[in-house]
Protein backbone atom coordinates (compact mmCIF):
# COMPACT_ATOMS: atom_id res chain seq x y z
CA UNK A 1 -13.76 -15.16 1.31
CA UNK A 2 -13.41 -14.15 -2.32
CA UNK A 3 -10.30 -11.96 -2.49
CA UNK A 4 -10.21 -9.35 -5.24
CA UNK A 5 -6.74 -7.99 -4.54
CA UNK A 6 -3.42 -9.78 -4.08
CA UNK A 7 -0.72 -7.59 -2.54
CA UNK A 8 2.51 -9.40 -3.33
CA UNK A 9 5.86 -8.32 -1.96
CA UNK A 10 7.87 -10.02 -4.67
CA UNK A 11 11.23 -8.93 -3.25
CA UNK A 12 12.74 -7.37 -0.16
CA UNK A 13 15.53 -5.79 -2.20
CA UNK A 14 15.56 -2.05 -2.77
CA UNK A 15 17.94 0.52 -4.21
CA UNK A 16 16.98 3.09 -1.55
CA UNK A 17 17.22 3.12 2.23
CA UNK A 18 14.13 5.05 3.32
CA UNK A 19 13.94 5.98 6.99
CA UNK A 20 10.47 4.51 7.49
CA UNK A 21 10.80 1.28 5.50
CA UNK A 22 8.97 -1.71 6.98
CA UNK A 23 9.94 -4.14 4.21
CA UNK A 24 13.68 -4.48 4.87
CA UNK A 25 12.87 -7.42 7.13
CA UNK A 26 12.16 -9.38 3.93
CA UNK A 27 15.62 -8.69 2.53
CA UNK A 28 17.07 -12.11 3.40
CA UNK A 29 14.03 -14.17 2.38
CA UNK A 30 14.40 -16.69 -0.43
CA UNK A 31 12.14 -15.32 -3.15
CA UNK A 32 9.68 -17.50 -5.00
CA UNK A 33 11.08 -18.73 -8.30
CA UNK A 34 9.67 -17.59 -11.62
CA UNK A 35 7.92 -20.94 -12.00
CA UNK A 36 6.37 -20.72 -8.53
CA UNK A 37 5.35 -17.11 -9.11
CA UNK A 38 3.64 -17.93 -12.41
CA UNK A 39 1.72 -20.73 -10.72
CA UNK A 40 0.42 -18.28 -8.14
CA UNK A 41 -0.58 -15.77 -10.81
CA UNK A 42 -2.51 -18.50 -12.63
CA UNK A 43 -4.18 -19.72 -9.43
CA UNK A 44 -5.05 -16.15 -8.45
CA UNK A 45 -6.99 -15.79 -11.70
CA UNK A 46 -8.72 -19.13 -11.09
CA UNK A 47 -10.04 -18.09 -7.65
CA UNK A 48 -11.28 -14.73 -8.93
CA UNK A 49 -8.54 -12.29 -7.96
CA UNK A 50 -9.06 -9.20 -10.09
CA UNK A 51 -5.82 -7.37 -9.44
CA UNK A 52 -2.27 -8.26 -8.45
CA UNK A 53 -0.19 -5.47 -6.92
CA UNK A 54 3.50 -6.29 -7.29
CA UNK A 55 5.36 -4.41 -4.59
CA UNK A 56 8.42 -4.78 -2.37
CA UNK A 57 11.07 -3.64 -1.71
CA UNK A 58 11.55 -2.40 -5.22
CA UNK A 59 9.86 -4.82 -7.65
CA UNK A 60 11.84 -3.47 -10.62
CA UNK A 61 14.92 -5.10 -9.07
CA UNK A 62 13.40 -8.51 -9.64
CA UNK A 63 14.85 -9.81 -12.90
CA UNK A 64 11.67 -11.58 -14.01
CA UNK A 65 9.21 -8.80 -13.13
CA UNK A 66 8.37 -8.06 -16.78
CA UNK A 67 7.89 -11.77 -17.42
CA UNK A 68 5.45 -11.93 -14.51
CA UNK A 69 3.58 -8.87 -15.74
CA UNK A 70 3.28 -10.39 -19.19
CA UNK A 71 2.06 -13.67 -17.75
CA UNK A 72 -0.57 -11.85 -15.68
CA UNK A 73 -1.80 -10.23 -18.90
CA UNK A 74 -1.97 -13.65 -20.54
CA UNK A 75 -4.02 -15.00 -17.62
CA UNK A 76 -6.40 -12.05 -17.76
CA UNK A 77 -5.45 -10.55 -14.39
CA UNK A 78 -4.83 -6.82 -14.02
CA UNK A 79 -1.42 -6.04 -12.55
CA UNK A 80 0.33 -2.99 -11.18
CA UNK A 81 3.73 -2.13 -9.78
CA UNK A 82 4.39 -0.06 -6.67
CA UNK A 83 7.78 1.57 -7.14
CA UNK A 84 9.95 4.38 -5.84
CA UNK A 85 10.31 5.31 -9.52
CA UNK A 86 14.04 5.91 -9.56
CA UNK A 87 14.77 2.88 -11.77
CA UNK A 88 12.35 3.87 -14.53
CA UNK A 89 14.34 4.69 -17.66
CA UNK A 90 12.93 5.28 -21.13
CA UNK A 91 13.52 1.61 -21.98
CA UNK A 92 11.73 0.48 -18.82
CA UNK A 93 8.88 2.86 -19.59
CA UNK A 94 8.51 1.46 -23.11
CA UNK A 95 8.24 -2.06 -21.69
CA UNK A 96 5.72 -1.02 -19.04
CA UNK A 97 3.66 0.71 -21.72
CA UNK A 98 3.74 -2.41 -23.90
CA UNK A 99 2.61 -4.53 -20.95
CA UNK A 100 -0.20 -2.09 -20.12
CA UNK A 101 1.07 -1.80 -16.53
CA UNK A 102 -0.45 0.68 -14.08
CA UNK A 103 2.09 2.30 -11.75
CA UNK A 104 1.90 3.43 -8.14
CA UNK A 105 4.74 5.88 -7.53
CA UNK A 106 5.88 6.61 -3.97
CA UNK A 107 6.27 10.33 -3.30
CA UNK A 108 6.55 11.96 0.11
CA UNK A 109 6.26 15.60 -0.87
CA UNK A 110 7.77 18.14 -3.23
CA UNK A 111 11.51 18.81 -3.47
CA UNK A 112 13.48 18.56 -0.22
CA UNK A 113 10.39 17.36 1.64
CA UNK A 114 10.47 14.17 -0.41
CA UNK A 115 14.15 13.65 0.35
CA UNK A 116 13.72 14.09 4.11
CA UNK A 117 12.58 10.49 4.51
CA UNK A 118 14.36 9.09 1.47
CA UNK A 119 17.77 10.05 0.10
CA UNK A 120 19.49 13.11 -1.29
CA UNK A 121 19.15 13.25 -5.05
CA UNK A 122 15.96 11.18 -5.24
CA UNK A 123 13.82 14.19 -6.10
CA UNK A 124 15.73 15.02 -9.28
CA UNK A 125 15.49 11.38 -10.36
CA UNK A 126 11.76 11.27 -9.64
CA UNK A 127 11.15 14.54 -11.48
CA UNK A 128 12.75 13.06 -14.62
CA UNK A 129 10.59 9.96 -14.24
CA UNK A 130 7.39 12.00 -14.27
CA UNK A 131 8.53 13.53 -17.58
CA UNK A 132 9.14 10.04 -18.99
CA UNK A 133 5.70 8.85 -17.87
CA UNK A 134 4.12 11.88 -19.51
CA UNK A 135 6.08 11.28 -22.73
CA UNK A 136 4.89 7.68 -23.06
CA UNK A 137 1.42 8.36 -21.65
CA UNK A 138 1.78 5.77 -18.91
CA UNK A 139 -1.05 5.96 -16.36
CA UNK A 140 -0.03 6.24 -12.73
CA UNK A 141 -1.20 7.06 -9.25
CA UNK A 142 0.91 8.12 -6.28
CA UNK A 143 1.34 6.92 -2.71
CA UNK A 144 2.23 9.38 0.04
CA UNK A 145 3.06 8.39 3.60
CA UNK A 146 1.93 11.14 5.97
CA UNK A 147 4.47 11.96 8.68
CA UNK A 148 5.61 14.84 10.84
CA UNK A 149 7.97 15.91 8.07
CA UNK A 150 5.33 16.40 5.35
CA UNK A 151 1.78 16.68 6.71
CA UNK A 152 1.88 20.48 7.00
CA UNK A 153 2.66 20.83 3.27
CA UNK A 154 0.04 18.36 2.08
CA UNK A 155 -1.76 21.06 0.04
CA UNK A 156 1.43 21.77 -1.93
CA UNK A 157 1.82 18.03 -2.51
CA UNK A 158 -1.73 17.52 -3.78
CA UNK A 159 -1.47 20.57 -6.04
CA UNK A 160 1.73 19.13 -7.54
CA UNK A 161 0.22 15.65 -7.98
CA UNK A 162 -2.69 17.13 -9.88
CA UNK A 163 -0.34 19.14 -12.10
CA UNK A 164 1.86 16.16 -13.07
CA UNK A 165 -1.15 14.12 -14.14
CA UNK A 166 -1.54 11.52 -11.41
CA UNK A 167 -4.88 9.80 -12.02
CA UNK A 168 -5.44 9.75 -8.26
CA UNK A 169 -3.38 9.67 -5.10
CA UNK A 170 -3.25 7.38 -2.08
CA UNK A 171 -2.30 8.58 1.37
CA UNK A 172 -1.73 6.71 4.59
CA UNK A 173 -0.24 7.57 7.99
CA UNK A 174 3.32 6.46 8.69
CA UNK A 175 3.05 3.05 10.32
CA UNK A 176 5.16 2.49 13.46
CA UNK A 177 6.82 -0.66 12.13
CA UNK A 178 10.19 -1.64 10.72
CA UNK A 179 12.67 1.24 10.55
CA UNK A 180 10.04 3.90 11.29
CA UNK A 181 10.96 6.06 14.26
CA UNK A 182 8.33 7.47 16.58
CA UNK A 183 9.82 10.91 15.88
CA UNK A 184 8.17 10.78 12.44
CA UNK A 185 4.83 9.20 13.40
CA UNK A 186 1.89 11.62 13.56
CA UNK A 187 -0.03 12.15 16.78
CA UNK A 188 -3.81 11.72 16.72
CA UNK A 189 -4.33 15.50 16.58
CA UNK A 190 -1.74 15.92 13.81
CA UNK A 191 -3.39 13.19 11.75
CA UNK A 192 -6.78 14.82 12.24
CA UNK A 193 -5.36 18.15 11.05
CA UNK A 194 -3.78 16.38 8.08
CA UNK A 195 -7.10 14.80 7.13
CA UNK A 196 -8.85 18.17 7.09
CA UNK A 197 -6.07 19.62 4.92
CA UNK A 198 -6.21 16.64 2.55
CA UNK A 199 -9.97 17.01 2.22
CA UNK A 200 -9.83 20.74 1.55
CA UNK A 201 -6.97 20.41 -0.93
CA UNK A 202 -8.55 17.51 -2.80
CA UNK A 203 -11.70 19.57 -3.25
CA UNK A 204 -9.81 22.74 -4.19
CA UNK A 205 -7.73 21.04 -6.88
CA UNK A 206 -10.37 18.50 -7.89
CA UNK A 207 -8.00 15.63 -7.26
CA UNK A 208 -9.15 12.21 -6.01
CA UNK A 209 -7.42 10.92 -2.89
CA UNK A 210 -7.78 7.41 -1.47
CA UNK A 211 -7.13 7.17 2.26
CA UNK A 212 -5.57 3.89 3.39
CA UNK A 213 -5.22 2.34 6.84
CA UNK A 214 -7.48 4.85 8.61
CA UNK A 215 -11.15 3.93 8.07
CA UNK A 216 -12.18 6.22 10.94
CA UNK A 217 -11.40 9.14 8.58
CA UNK A 218 -14.99 9.05 7.33
CA UNK A 219 -15.96 10.73 10.63
CA UNK A 220 -14.09 13.87 9.62
CA UNK A 221 -14.52 14.08 5.86
CA UNK A 222 -17.49 14.73 3.59
CA UNK A 223 -15.97 15.16 0.16
CA UNK A 224 -16.69 13.52 -3.18
CA UNK A 225 -12.96 13.53 -3.99
CA UNK A 226 -12.06 11.42 -0.95
CA UNK A 227 -12.40 7.64 -0.71
CA UNK A 228 -11.76 5.77 2.50
CA UNK A 229 -10.71 2.12 2.58
CA UNK A 230 -11.38 -0.26 5.45
CA UNK A 231 -8.87 -2.60 7.07
CA UNK A 232 -10.60 -5.45 8.89
CA UNK A 233 -13.14 -6.13 6.17
CA UNK A 234 -10.74 -5.90 3.21
CA UNK A 235 -10.96 -8.62 0.54
CA UNK A 236 -7.17 -8.70 0.24
CA UNK A 237 -4.36 -11.28 0.44
CA UNK A 238 -0.83 -10.31 1.52
CA UNK A 239 2.05 -12.53 0.37
CA UNK A 240 5.72 -12.16 1.37
CA UNK A 241 8.67 -12.76 -1.00
CA UNK A 242 9.12 -16.35 0.26
CA UNK A 243 5.43 -17.22 -0.22
CA UNK A 244 4.22 -16.69 3.34
CA UNK A 245 0.60 -15.57 3.53
CA UNK A 246 0.59 -12.83 6.15
CA UNK A 247 -2.12 -11.52 8.40
CA UNK A 248 -0.96 -8.04 7.37
CA UNK A 249 2.09 -6.95 5.43
CA UNK A 250 3.45 -4.88 8.32
CA UNK A 251 3.17 -7.72 10.83
CA UNK A 252 5.37 -10.81 11.07
CA UNK A 253 2.37 -13.06 11.64
CA UNK A 254 2.33 -15.93 9.14
CA UNK A 255 -1.01 -17.69 8.71
CA UNK A 256 0.02 -20.15 5.99
CA UNK A 257 2.07 -20.20 2.77
CA UNK A 258 1.69 -20.61 -0.97
CA UNK A 259 5.04 -22.26 -1.64
CA UNK A 260 4.08 -25.64 -0.20
CA UNK A 261 0.40 -25.54 -1.12
CA UNK A 262 -1.89 -24.06 -3.74
CA UNK A 263 -3.30 -20.56 -3.36
CA UNK A 264 -6.78 -22.03 -3.03
CA UNK A 265 -5.68 -24.37 -0.21
CA UNK A 266 -3.85 -21.55 1.54
CA UNK A 267 -6.88 -19.30 1.28
CA UNK A 268 -9.09 -21.90 3.00
CA UNK A 269 -6.60 -22.14 5.85
CA UNK A 270 -6.45 -18.34 6.04
CA UNK A 271 -10.19 -17.71 6.16
CA UNK A 272 -10.73 -20.45 8.79
CA UNK A 273 -7.92 -19.27 11.03
CA UNK A 274 -9.32 -18.18 14.44
CA UNK A 275 -7.40 -14.91 14.42
CA UNK A 276 -8.68 -13.98 10.97
CA UNK A 277 -12.24 -14.78 12.03
CA UNK A 278 -11.83 -12.70 15.17
CA UNK A 279 -10.64 -9.69 13.20
CA UNK A 280 -13.63 -9.87 10.87
CA UNK A 281 -15.87 -8.67 13.71
CA UNK A 282 -16.12 -5.01 14.81
CA UNK A 283 -14.42 -4.01 18.05
CA UNK A 284 -17.01 -4.43 20.80
CA UNK A 285 -15.49 -2.10 23.40
CA UNK A 286 -16.12 1.57 23.98
CA UNK A 287 -15.66 4.02 22.34
CA UNK A 288 -16.08 1.85 19.22
CA UNK A 289 -19.13 0.02 20.55
CA UNK A 290 -21.50 2.94 20.04
CA UNK A 291 -19.62 4.81 17.30
CA UNK A 292 -21.81 5.61 14.31
CA UNK A 293 -19.15 4.47 11.81
CA UNK A 294 -18.49 1.20 13.66
CA UNK A 295 -19.85 -1.14 11.00
CA UNK A 296 -17.54 0.35 8.37
CA UNK A 297 -14.50 1.16 10.47
CA UNK A 298 -14.78 -1.96 12.68
CA UNK A 299 -12.21 -0.50 15.07
CA UNK A 300 -9.67 0.70 12.52
CA UNK A 301 -6.16 -0.63 11.98
CA UNK A 302 -5.66 -3.79 14.05
CA UNK A 303 -1.90 -3.75 13.38
CA UNK A 304 -1.51 -0.41 15.16
CA UNK A 305 -3.78 -1.61 17.97
CA UNK A 306 -1.59 -4.68 18.42
CA UNK A 307 1.57 -2.55 18.34
CA UNK A 308 0.36 -0.14 21.01
CA UNK A 309 -1.91 -2.29 23.21
CA UNK A 310 -0.75 -5.84 22.46
CA UNK A 311 -4.35 -6.65 21.54
CA UNK A 312 -5.86 -6.82 18.06
CA UNK A 313 -9.36 -6.05 19.29
CA UNK A 314 -8.66 -2.66 20.84
CA UNK A 315 -9.52 0.51 18.97
CA UNK A 316 -7.09 2.03 16.54
CA UNK A 317 -4.82 4.29 18.64
CA UNK A 318 -4.77 6.87 15.80
CA UNK A 319 -8.52 7.46 16.02
CA UNK A 320 -9.13 10.76 17.81
């Protein structure tokens, strides 16, 4: 395994209390120190990681986040921050610009739609942030979690994202983990409808959309503006705030850690773990067995399969 992407939840702390947050379970973890974090950044570069995605929680609450971004630059590793955006001031923006940091901004819709799953007043704050990003010419993409409260207005969202200058957008279905209530999780038919609307809107407004955590989407979409990412065959590492290397960032399944051992040593343990090896093979049961996208999709999201069926090697329950 030669991982290209390191998804690093550097903190469980956050200034918001979103209704679907899965990361609050990390709130009490003892975060890696600056020294430990720099070691991991350096080792990530040495094993060939091309990009480190600092996320959380809210990574801008970590006092040394700019120091880590600067160190990543020094090591020659691209780095980005996934943020709710509300803490970005002009001073923060100037620093991010200086550090050549790419941003992923979480947005769940336009206006009150965004606030439905977040907090009152967050839309006004986010609107000001987009003006700041435009002023300092800071490149950014957006991340939208599709739920019952926003999937019907996805065209309005994509139109807005194109207008504010997002380089591209990422969309994923609300995952039934953490604080997420089933009342907000899309049904299979609703997700399918959402995918068609995303595809049509992306084409209409000529806006690129990356679909996460639903590789089966390629069965429904033929559109040059849509990119679909896999799950089981991803060349990605997930690390928790305390250094645990996780099977998936939504699951509390720890394979090894990078606090007590080097990243290279941890990676060898990870790739030789029987569960990891098992998940690298496509689901062999029907209806996946004879599905024409099986080799790419491989059964879809194993975390959702485990949540619903108690078995990683069942088909993704969101696949229609």
